[in-house]
Amino acid sequence: MRNIDKHCQLEIKLQESAMSIESLGQLESSLQNLIDKLELSRMEIEEIKVANTQLEQENAQLKHELHAWNEKVSIILGKLKSAAEDEEDIETEQQLESATT
């Protein structure tokens, strides 16, 4: 009877060991999946950082171009205003000349 009890205990321990080994295998598999996902996330983050840097550079360039265009438009508007004032001055002079003649 003792041998049967020892045999049963040994069998139970073997089953527990097998379950522990199986659990460790599942844990290892889960950890490997997590590591793979983390590595993929790191690569995606790096790609996003590179894209972000490129977009920041492009944005800075576009801001520079916008500033240059704003300056050009301001110069043109200044010239138009000056030309309009000159035209008004000429019209005023012509009116004065026709009034005096």
N, C-alpha and C. Protein backbone atom coordinates (compact mmCIF):
# COMPACT_ATOMS: atom_id res chain seq x y z
N MET A 1 0.82 -1.19 0.00
CA MET A 1 0.00 0.00 0.00
C MET A 1 0.87 1.25 0.00
N ARG A 2 1.97 1.16 0.72
CA ARG A 2 2.87 2.31 0.75
C ARG A 2 3.46 2.59 -0.62
N ASN A 3 3.77 1.53 -1.32
CA ASN A 3 4.32 1.71 -2.66
C ASN A 3 3.31 2.38 -3.59
N ILE A 4 2.06 2.02 -3.42
CA ILE A 4 1.01 2.63 -4.24
C ILE A 4 0.89 4.10 -3.91
N ASP A 5 0.95 4.46 -2.62
CA ASP A 5 0.88 5.86 -2.21
C ASP A 5 2.07 6.64 -2.77
N LYS A 6 3.25 6.03 -2.65
CA LYS A 6 4.45 6.70 -3.18
C LYS A 6 4.34 6.85 -4.69
N HIS A 7 3.85 5.82 -5.31
CA HIS A 7 3.67 5.86 -6.77
C HIS A 7 2.68 6.96 -7.16
N CYS A 8 1.58 7.06 -6.43
CA CYS A 8 0.57 8.10 -6.70
C CYS A 8 1.16 9.49 -6.46
N GLN A 9 1.93 9.62 -5.38
CA GLN A 9 2.55 10.91 -5.09
C GLN A 9 3.55 11.29 -6.17
N LEU A 10 4.33 10.30 -6.60
CA LEU A 10 5.30 10.53 -7.66
C LEU A 10 4.60 10.93 -8.96
N GLU A 11 3.52 10.25 -9.26
CA GLU A 11 2.75 10.56 -10.47
C GLU A 11 2.17 11.97 -10.39
N ILE A 12 1.67 12.35 -9.21
CA ILE A 12 1.13 13.70 -9.03
C ILE A 12 2.23 14.74 -9.22
N LYS A 13 3.41 14.48 -8.65
CA LYS A 13 4.54 15.41 -8.80
C LYS A 13 4.96 15.53 -10.26
N LEU A 14 4.97 14.42 -10.97
CA LEU A 14 5.31 14.45 -12.40
C LEU A 14 4.29 15.27 -13.19
N GLN A 15 3.02 15.10 -12.86
CA GLN A 15 1.98 15.87 -13.54
C GLN A 15 2.13 17.36 -13.23
N GLU A 16 2.43 17.67 -11.96
CA GLU A 16 2.63 19.07 -11.57
C GLU A 16 3.84 19.65 -12.29
N SER A 17 4.91 18.85 -12.38
CA SER A 17 6.11 19.31 -13.08
C SER A 17 5.81 19.55 -14.56
N ALA A 18 5.06 18.62 -15.15
CA ALA A 18 4.70 18.78 -16.56
C ALA A 18 3.86 20.03 -16.76
N MET A 19 2.93 20.28 -15.83
CA MET A 19 2.11 21.49 -15.93
C MET A 19 2.96 22.73 -15.73
N SER A 20 3.95 22.65 -14.81
CA SER A 20 4.83 23.79 -14.59
C SER A 20 5.68 24.07 -15.82
N ILE A 21 6.19 23.00 -16.44
CA ILE A 21 6.99 23.16 -17.65
C ILE A 21 6.13 23.74 -18.77
N GLU A 22 4.90 23.26 -18.88
CA GLU A 22 3.98 23.78 -19.89
C GLU A 22 3.68 25.26 -19.62
N SER A 23 3.46 25.59 -18.35
CA SER A 23 3.19 26.98 -17.98
C SER A 23 4.39 27.87 -18.29
N LEU A 24 5.59 27.35 -18.00
CA LEU A 24 6.80 28.12 -18.32
C LEU A 24 6.94 28.32 -19.82
N GLY A 25 6.60 27.30 -20.57
CA GLY A 25 6.64 27.41 -22.04
C GLY A 25 5.68 28.47 -22.54
N GLN A 26 4.48 28.49 -21.97
CA GLN A 26 3.49 29.50 -22.35
C GLN A 26 3.97 30.90 -21.95
N LEU A 27 4.57 30.98 -20.76
CA LEU A 27 5.09 32.27 -20.29
C LEU A 27 6.21 32.75 -21.20
N GLU A 28 7.09 31.83 -21.57
CA GLU A 28 8.19 32.18 -22.47
C GLU A 28 7.65 32.67 -23.81
N SER A 29 6.65 31.98 -24.33
CA SER A 29 6.04 32.37 -25.59
C SER A 29 5.39 33.76 -25.48
N SER A 30 4.70 33.99 -24.38
CA SER A 30 4.06 35.29 -24.17
C SER A 30 5.10 36.40 -24.06
N LEU A 31 6.19 36.11 -23.34
CA LEU A 31 7.25 37.11 -23.20
C LEU A 31 7.91 37.40 -24.55
N GLN A 32 8.12 36.37 -25.35
CA GLN A 32 8.73 36.58 -26.66
C GLN A 32 7.82 37.43 -27.55
N ASN A 33 6.51 37.17 -27.49
CA ASN A 33 5.55 37.98 -28.25
C ASN A 33 5.61 39.43 -27.79
N LEU A 34 5.69 39.64 -26.49
CA LEU A 34 5.77 41.00 -25.94
C LEU A 34 7.06 41.69 -26.39
N ILE A 35 8.16 40.97 -26.34
CA ILE A 35 9.45 41.53 -26.79
C ILE A 35 9.38 41.90 -28.26
N ASP A 36 8.79 41.04 -29.07
CA ASP A 36 8.64 41.32 -30.51
C ASP A 36 7.80 42.57 -30.74
N LYS A 37 6.70 42.69 -29.98
CA LYS A 37 5.83 43.86 -30.12
C LYS A 37 6.55 45.13 -29.69
N LEU A 38 7.33 45.03 -28.61
CA LEU A 38 8.10 46.20 -28.15
C LEU A 38 9.12 46.63 -29.20
N GLU A 39 9.80 45.68 -29.79
CA GLU A 39 10.79 46.00 -30.82
C GLU A 39 10.12 46.64 -32.03
N LEU A 40 8.98 46.11 -32.41
CA LEU A 40 8.23 46.69 -33.53
C LEU A 40 7.79 48.11 -33.19
N SER A 41 7.34 48.31 -31.96
CA SER A 41 6.93 49.65 -31.52
C SER A 41 8.11 50.61 -31.54
N ARG A 42 9.28 50.15 -31.11
CA ARG A 42 10.49 50.99 -31.15
C ARG A 42 10.82 51.39 -32.58
N MET A 43 10.72 50.45 -33.49
CA MET A 43 11.02 50.76 -34.90
C MET A 43 10.00 51.76 -35.44
N GLU A 44 8.73 51.58 -35.10
CA GLU A 44 7.70 52.52 -35.55
C GLU A 44 7.93 53.91 -34.97
N ILE A 45 8.32 53.97 -33.70
CA ILE A 45 8.61 55.26 -33.07
C ILE A 45 9.78 55.93 -33.78
N GLU A 46 10.80 55.17 -34.11
CA GLU A 46 11.96 55.74 -34.81
C GLU A 46 11.55 56.28 -36.18
N GLU A 47 10.71 55.54 -36.90
CA GLU A 47 10.22 56.01 -38.20
C GLU A 47 9.40 57.29 -38.03
N ILE A 48 8.59 57.34 -36.99
CA ILE A 48 7.77 58.54 -36.74
C ILE A 48 8.66 59.72 -36.40
N LYS A 49 9.73 59.48 -35.63
CA LYS A 49 10.66 60.56 -35.29
C LYS A 49 11.32 61.12 -36.54
N VAL A 50 11.74 60.23 -37.43
CA VAL A 50 12.37 60.67 -38.68
C VAL A 50 11.38 61.47 -39.52
N ALA A 51 10.16 60.97 -39.64
CA ALA A 51 9.13 61.68 -40.41
C ALA A 51 8.83 63.03 -39.76
N ASN A 52 8.78 63.07 -38.44
CA ASN A 52 8.51 64.32 -37.73
C ASN A 52 9.62 65.33 -37.98
N THR A 53 10.86 64.88 -37.95
CA THR A 53 11.99 65.77 -38.22
C THR A 53 11.90 66.33 -39.63
N GLN A 54 11.56 65.49 -40.59
CA GLN A 54 11.42 65.95 -41.97
C GLN A 54 10.29 66.97 -42.08
N LEU A 55 9.18 66.71 -41.41
CA LEU A 55 8.05 67.65 -41.46
C LEU A 55 8.40 68.97 -40.78
N GLU A 56 9.17 68.92 -39.70
CA GLU A 56 9.60 70.16 -39.04
C GLU A 56 10.49 70.98 -39.96
N GLN A 57 11.40 70.30 -40.67
CA GLN A 57 12.27 71.00 -41.61
C GLN A 57 11.46 71.61 -42.75
N GLU A 58 10.52 70.85 -43.28
CA GLU A 58 9.66 71.35 -44.35
C GLU A 58 8.83 72.53 -43.86
N ASN A 59 8.32 72.45 -42.65
CA ASN A 59 7.53 73.53 -42.07
C ASN A 59 8.38 74.79 -41.93
N ALA A 60 9.61 74.64 -41.46
CA ALA A 60 10.51 75.79 -41.32
C ALA A 60 10.78 76.42 -42.69
N GLN A 61 11.00 75.59 -43.70
CA GLN A 61 11.24 76.10 -45.05
C GLN A 61 10.02 76.85 -45.58
N LEU A 62 8.84 76.28 -45.37
CA LEU A 62 7.61 76.93 -45.84
C LEU A 62 7.37 78.25 -45.10
N LYS A 63 7.68 78.30 -43.81
CA LYS A 63 7.55 79.55 -43.07
C LYS A 63 8.49 80.61 -43.63
N HIS A 64 9.70 80.18 -43.96
CA HIS A 64 10.68 81.10 -44.55
C HIS A 64 10.17 81.63 -45.90
N GLU A 65 9.64 80.73 -46.73
CA GLU A 65 9.10 81.14 -48.03
C GLU A 65 7.91 82.08 -47.85
N LEU A 66 7.04 81.79 -46.89
CA LEU A 66 5.88 82.65 -46.63
C LEU A 66 6.33 84.03 -46.21
N HIS A 67 7.34 84.10 -45.36
CA HIS A 67 7.86 85.39 -44.93
C HIS A 67 8.41 86.18 -46.13
N ALA A 68 9.14 85.48 -47.00
CA ALA A 68 9.69 86.14 -48.19
C ALA A 68 8.56 86.66 -49.09
N TRP A 69 7.51 85.86 -49.28
CA TRP A 69 6.38 86.30 -50.11
C TRP A 69 5.65 87.48 -49.46
N ASN A 70 5.51 87.44 -48.15
CA ASN A 70 4.86 88.56 -47.46
C ASN A 70 5.64 89.86 -47.66
N GLU A 71 6.97 89.75 -47.62
CA GLU A 71 7.80 90.94 -47.86
C GLU A 71 7.60 91.44 -49.29
N LYS A 72 7.58 90.53 -50.26
CA LYS A 72 7.38 90.94 -51.66
C LYS A 72 6.03 91.61 -51.84
N VAL A 73 4.98 91.03 -51.24
CA VAL A 73 3.64 91.61 -51.35
C VAL A 73 3.61 92.99 -50.71
N SER A 74 4.27 93.14 -49.56
CA SER A 74 4.32 94.44 -48.90
C SER A 74 5.00 95.48 -49.77
N ILE A 75 6.07 95.08 -50.43
CA ILE A 75 6.78 96.01 -51.32
C ILE A 75 5.89 96.41 -52.49
N ILE A 76 5.22 95.43 -53.09
CA ILE A 76 4.32 95.72 -54.22
C ILE A 76 3.18 96.63 -53.78
N LEU A 77 2.58 96.33 -52.61
CA LEU A 77 1.50 97.19 -52.11
C LEU A 77 2.00 98.60 -51.84
N GLY A 78 3.21 98.71 -51.32
CA GLY A 78 3.80 100.03 -51.10
C GLY A 78 3.96 100.79 -52.40
N LYS A 79 4.42 100.10 -53.44
CA LYS A 79 4.58 100.75 -54.75
C LYS A 79 3.23 101.16 -55.32
N LEU A 80 2.21 100.29 -55.18
CA LEU A 80 0.87 100.63 -55.67
C LEU A 80 0.32 101.85 -54.93
N LYS A 81 0.53 101.89 -53.63
CA LYS A 81 0.05 103.02 -52.84
C LYS A 81 0.76 104.30 -53.27
N SER A 82 2.06 104.19 -53.47
CA SER A 82 2.84 105.35 -53.91
C SER A 82 2.38 105.81 -55.29
N ALA A 83 2.12 104.85 -56.19
CA ALA A 83 1.66 105.20 -57.54
C ALA A 83 0.29 105.86 -57.47
N ALA A 84 -0.59 105.35 -56.61
CA ALA A 84 -1.92 105.94 -56.46
C ALA A 84 -1.82 107.36 -55.91
N GLU A 85 -0.93 107.56 -54.95
CA GLU A 85 -0.74 108.91 -54.40
C GLU A 85 -0.18 109.85 -55.47
N ASP A 86 0.77 109.34 -56.26
CA ASP A 86 1.33 110.16 -57.34
C ASP A 86 0.25 110.54 -58.34
N GLU A 87 -0.62 109.58 -58.66
CA GLU A 87 -1.71 109.84 -59.60
C GLU A 87 -2.66 110.89 -59.03
N GLU A 88 -2.95 110.79 -57.74
CA GLU A 88 -3.82 111.80 -57.11
C GLU A 88 -3.16 113.17 -57.15
N ASP A 89 -1.86 113.21 -56.89
CA ASP A 89 -1.14 114.49 -56.94
C ASP A 89 -1.19 115.08 -58.35
N ILE A 90 -1.03 114.24 -59.36
CA ILE A 90 -1.07 114.72 -60.75
C ILE A 90 -2.46 115.24 -61.08
N GLU A 91 -3.49 114.51 -60.66
CA GLU A 91 -4.87 114.96 -60.91
C GLU A 91 -5.14 116.29 -60.21
N THR A 92 -4.65 116.40 -58.98
CA THR A 92 -4.84 117.65 -58.24
C THR A 92 -4.13 118.80 -58.94
N GLU A 93 -2.91 118.58 -59.40
CA GLU A 93 -2.16 119.62 -60.11
C GLU A 93 -2.88 120.00 -61.41
N GLN A 94 -3.39 118.99 -62.12
CA GLN A 94 -4.11 119.28 -63.36
C GLN A 94 -5.37 120.10 -63.08
N GLN A 95 -6.06 119.77 -62.00
CA GLN A 95 -7.27 120.53 -61.65
C GLN A 95 -6.91 121.96 -61.29
N LEU A 96 -5.81 122.13 -60.57
CA LEU A 96 -5.37 123.48 -60.21
C LEU A 96 -4.98 124.27 -61.46
N GLU A 97 -4.29 123.62 -62.38
CA GLU A 97 -3.88 124.30 -63.61
C GLU A 97 -5.09 124.69 -64.45
N SER A 98 -6.08 123.79 -64.55
CA SER A 98 -7.24 124.14 -65.34
C SER A 98 -8.08 125.20 -64.64
N ALA A 99 -8.03 125.25 -63.35
CA ALA A 99 -8.79 126.27 -62.64
C ALA A 99 -8.12 127.63 -62.80
N THR A 100 -6.83 127.67 -62.92
CA THR A 100 -6.12 128.94 -63.06
C THR A 100 -6.08 129.43 -64.50
N THR A 101 -6.35 128.59 -65.42
CA THR A 101 -6.32 129.04 -66.82
C THR A 101 -7.65 129.39 -67.36
